[in-house]
Amino acid sequence: QVRLVESGGGLVQAGGSLRLSCAASGRTFSTYSGGWFRQAPGKEREFVARIGWSSGRTYYEDSVKGRFTISRDNAKNTVSLQMNSLKPEDTAVYYCNAHRDSVDYWGQGTQVTVSS
């Protein structure tokens, strides 16, 4: 069992930065890949970024490449998302995810609002 708690959301102007953090409980978290998804009002939840559990290899949705950076600290059981050059279209609830095989765990979400 893995429990995920996000923090770091808020209101920022376009062009600004935010850093989201996800704290995980559960001793097996380091064996899961860590990821971030987001859901804007009236839209489906979409993939944002993922980082492998052992290789540290990263994957990004095209619209955030070059602006967002995902990282993890297995010793601290955390996954972070540094978001730079934010745009109004990045406004959404951001969810932390832990994935392994067919199992997914989700956090409760944190709101990110980017004003124009």
C-alpha atoms as a PDB file:
ATOM      1  CA  GLN A   1       0.000   0.000   0.000  1.00  0.00           C
ATOM      2  CA  VAL A   2       1.263   3.468  -0.933  1.00  0.00           C
ATOM      3  CA  ARG A   3      -0.233   6.731   0.320  1.00  0.00           C
ATOM      4  CA  LEU A   4       0.533   9.923  -1.580  1.00  0.00           C
ATOM      5  CA  VAL A   5       0.119  13.513  -0.372  1.00  0.00           C
ATOM      6  CA  GLU A   6       0.730  16.459  -2.693  1.00  0.00           C
ATOM      7  CA  SER A   7       1.680  20.001  -1.735  1.00  0.00           C
ATOM      8  CA  GLY A   8       2.921  23.174  -3.368  1.00  0.00           C
ATOM      9  CA  GLY A   9       0.011  24.228  -5.526  1.00  0.00           C
ATOM     10  CA  GLY A  10      -1.265  27.789  -5.657  1.00  0.00           C
ATOM     11  CA  LEU A  11      -1.921  30.868  -7.743  1.00  0.00           C
ATOM     12  CA  VAL A  12       0.814  32.258  -9.973  1.00  0.00           C
ATOM     13  CA  GLN A  13       1.011  34.698 -12.850  1.00  0.00           C
ATOM     14  CA  ALA A  14       1.828  33.536 -16.350  1.00  0.00           C
ATOM     15  CA  GLY A  15       5.563  33.101 -16.756  1.00  0.00           C
ATOM     16  CA  GLY A  16       6.006  32.248 -13.103  1.00  0.00           C
ATOM     17  CA  SER A  17       7.134  29.058 -11.392  1.00  0.00           C
ATOM     18  CA  LEU A  18       5.798  26.569  -8.880  1.00  0.00           C
ATOM     19  CA  ARG A  19       7.236  23.428  -7.356  1.00  0.00           C
ATOM     20  CA  LEU A  20       4.932  20.557  -6.494  1.00  0.00           C
ATOM     21  CA  SER A  21       5.974  17.898  -4.040  1.00  0.00           C
ATOM     22  CA  CYS A  22       4.545  14.470  -3.359  1.00  0.00           C
ATOM     23  CA  ALA A  23       5.298  12.692  -0.109  1.00  0.00           C
ATOM     24  CA  ALA A  24       4.803   8.937  -0.154  1.00  0.00           C
ATOM     25  CA  SER A  25       4.334   6.547   2.696  1.00  0.00           C
ATOM     26  CA  GLY A  26       4.910   2.840   2.320  1.00  0.00           C
ATOM     27  CA  ARG A  27       8.275   1.148   2.273  1.00  0.00           C
ATOM     28  CA  THR A  28       7.872  -0.121  -1.299  1.00  0.00           C
ATOM     29  CA  PHE A  29       7.410   3.300  -2.902  1.00  0.00           C
ATOM     30  CA  SER A  30      10.930   3.241  -4.315  1.00  0.00           C
ATOM     31  CA  THR A  31       9.926   0.292  -6.507  1.00  0.00           C
ATOM     32  CA  TYR A  32       7.152   2.257  -8.197  1.00  0.00           C
ATOM     33  CA  SER A  33       7.555   4.741 -10.999  1.00  0.00           C
ATOM     34  CA  GLY A  34       6.460   8.199  -9.922  1.00  0.00           C
ATOM     35  CA  GLY A  35       4.325  10.464 -12.019  1.00  0.00           C
ATOM     36  CA  TRP A  36       2.212  13.580 -12.259  1.00  0.00           C
ATOM     37  CA  PHE A  37      -1.132  13.953 -13.992  1.00  0.00           C
ATOM     38  CA  ARG A  38      -3.486  16.905 -14.218  1.00  0.00           C
ATOM     39  CA  GLN A  39      -7.165  17.524 -14.768  1.00  0.00           C
ATOM     40  CA  ALA A  40      -8.599  20.821 -15.946  1.00  0.00           C
ATOM     41  CA  PRO A  41     -12.299  21.687 -15.493  1.00  0.00           C
ATOM     42  CA  GLY A  42     -14.437  19.809 -17.971  1.00  0.00           C
ATOM     43  CA  LYS A  43     -11.516  17.740 -19.246  1.00  0.00           C
ATOM     44  CA  GLU A  44     -10.193  14.264 -18.642  1.00  0.00           C
ATOM     45  CA  ARG A  45      -7.178  13.610 -16.472  1.00  0.00           C
ATOM     46  CA  GLU A  46      -4.025  13.713 -18.584  1.00  0.00           C
ATOM     47  CA  PHE A  47      -0.439  12.578 -18.234  1.00  0.00           C
ATOM     48  CA  VAL A  48       2.166  15.255 -17.440  1.00  0.00           C
ATOM     49  CA  ALA A  49       5.422  13.535 -16.477  1.00  0.00           C
ATOM     50  CA  ARG A  50       6.878  10.273 -15.148  1.00  0.00           C
ATOM     51  CA  ILE A  51      10.171   9.101 -13.686  1.00  0.00           C
ATOM     52  CA  GLY A  52      11.333   5.511 -13.524  1.00  0.00           C
ATOM     53  CA  TRP A  53      11.936   3.912 -10.154  1.00  0.00           C
ATOM     54  CA  SER A  54      15.417   2.577 -10.784  1.00  0.00           C
ATOM     55  CA  SER A  55      16.730   4.172 -13.971  1.00  0.00           C
ATOM     56  CA  GLY A  56      15.466   7.640 -13.174  1.00  0.00           C
ATOM     57  CA  ARG A  57      14.498   7.913 -16.815  1.00  0.00           C
ATOM     58  CA  THR A  58      11.986  10.698 -17.391  1.00  0.00           C
ATOM     59  CA  TYR A  59       9.052  11.137 -19.737  1.00  0.00           C
ATOM     60  CA  TYR A  60       7.059  14.277 -20.455  1.00  0.00           C
ATOM     61  CA  GLU A  61       3.898  15.294 -22.221  1.00  0.00           C
ATOM     62  CA  ASP A  62       4.853  17.368 -25.247  1.00  0.00           C
ATOM     63  CA  SER A  63       3.357  20.661 -24.064  1.00  0.00           C
ATOM     64  CA  VAL A  64       5.468  20.704 -20.880  1.00  0.00           C
ATOM     65  CA  LYS A  65       8.810  19.592 -22.315  1.00  0.00           C
ATOM     66  CA  GLY A  66      11.499  22.147 -21.576  1.00  0.00           C
ATOM     67  CA  ARG A  67       9.357  23.840 -18.924  1.00  0.00           C
ATOM     68  CA  PHE A  68       8.674  21.128 -16.328  1.00  0.00           C
ATOM     69  CA  THR A  69      11.180  18.872 -14.591  1.00  0.00           C
ATOM     70  CA  ILE A  70      10.285  15.783 -12.605  1.00  0.00           C
ATOM     71  CA  SER A  71      12.637  14.391  -9.976  1.00  0.00           C
ATOM     72  CA  ARG A  72      12.563  11.909  -7.116  1.00  0.00           C
ATOM     73  CA  ASP A  73      14.400  11.198  -3.903  1.00  0.00           C
ATOM     74  CA  ASN A  74      13.959   7.553  -2.958  1.00  0.00           C
ATOM     75  CA  ALA A  75      15.668   8.065   0.383  1.00  0.00           C
ATOM     76  CA  LYS A  76      13.019  10.638   1.317  1.00  0.00           C
ATOM     77  CA  ASN A  77      10.144   8.953  -0.555  1.00  0.00           C
ATOM     78  CA  THR A  78       9.340  12.085  -2.520  1.00  0.00           C
ATOM     79  CA  VAL A  79       8.599  12.982  -6.114  1.00  0.00           C
ATOM     80  CA  SER A  80       8.696  16.613  -7.224  1.00  0.00           C
ATOM     81  CA  LEU A  81       7.613  18.595 -10.251  1.00  0.00           C
ATOM     82  CA  GLN A  82       9.362  21.885 -10.957  1.00  0.00           C
ATOM     83  CA  MET A  83       7.162  23.968 -13.227  1.00  0.00           C
ATOM     84  CA  ASN A  84       8.648  26.999 -14.972  1.00  0.00           C
ATOM     85  CA  SER A  85       7.294  29.406 -17.590  1.00  0.00           C
ATOM     86  CA  LEU A  86       3.770  28.562 -16.532  1.00  0.00           C
ATOM     87  CA  LYS A  87       0.904  29.298 -18.889  1.00  0.00           C
ATOM     88  CA  PRO A  88      -2.820  29.796 -18.222  1.00  0.00           C
ATOM     89  CA  GLU A  89      -3.476  26.476 -19.967  1.00  0.00           C
ATOM     90  CA  ASP A  90      -1.458  24.743 -17.232  1.00  0.00           C
ATOM     91  CA  THR A  91      -4.282  25.542 -14.802  1.00  0.00           C
ATOM     92  CA  ALA A  92      -5.578  22.269 -13.368  1.00  0.00           C
ATOM     93  CA  VAL A  93      -5.660  20.017 -10.366  1.00  0.00           C
ATOM     94  CA  TYR A  94      -2.368  18.131 -10.309  1.00  0.00           C
ATOM     95  CA  TYR A  95      -2.266  14.556  -9.028  1.00  0.00           C
ATOM     96  CA  CYS A  96       0.698  12.516  -7.901  1.00  0.00           C
ATOM     97  CA  ASN A  97       0.771   8.908  -9.100  1.00  0.00           C
ATOM     98  CA  ALA A  98       2.707   5.776  -8.196  1.00  0.00           C
ATOM     99  CA  HIS A  99       2.607   2.985 -10.780  1.00  0.00           C
ATOM    100  CA  ARG A 100       3.924  -0.562 -10.960  1.00  0.00           C
ATOM    101  CA  ASP A 101       2.617  -3.325 -13.208  1.00  0.00           C
ATOM    102  CA  SER A 102      -1.162  -2.836 -13.215  1.00  0.00           C
ATOM    103  CA  VAL A 103      -1.340  -1.071  -9.866  1.00  0.00           C
ATOM    104  CA  ASP A 104      -1.840   2.670  -9.478  1.00  0.00           C
ATOM    105  CA  TYR A 105      -2.002   4.850  -6.388  1.00  0.00           C
ATOM    106  CA  TRP A 106      -3.178   8.475  -6.446  1.00  0.00           C
ATOM    107  CA  GLY A 107      -2.901  11.494  -4.222  1.00  0.00           C
ATOM    108  CA  GLN A 108      -5.806  13.785  -3.441  1.00  0.00           C
ATOM    109  CA  GLY A 109      -4.624  16.496  -5.838  1.00  0.00           C
ATOM    110  CA  THR A 110      -3.391  20.068  -5.515  1.00  0.00           C
ATOM    111  CA  GLN A 111      -4.773  23.066  -7.396  1.00  0.00           C
ATOM    112  CA  VAL A 112      -2.529  25.067  -9.717  1.00  0.00           C
ATOM    113  CA  THR A 113      -3.980  28.280 -11.133  1.00  0.00           C
ATOM    114  CA  VAL A 114      -2.070  30.392 -13.648  1.00  0.00           C
ATOM    115  CA  SER A 115      -3.456  33.872 -14.281  1.00  0.00           C
ATOM    116  CA  SER A 116      -2.898  35.708 -17.538  1.00  0.00           C
END
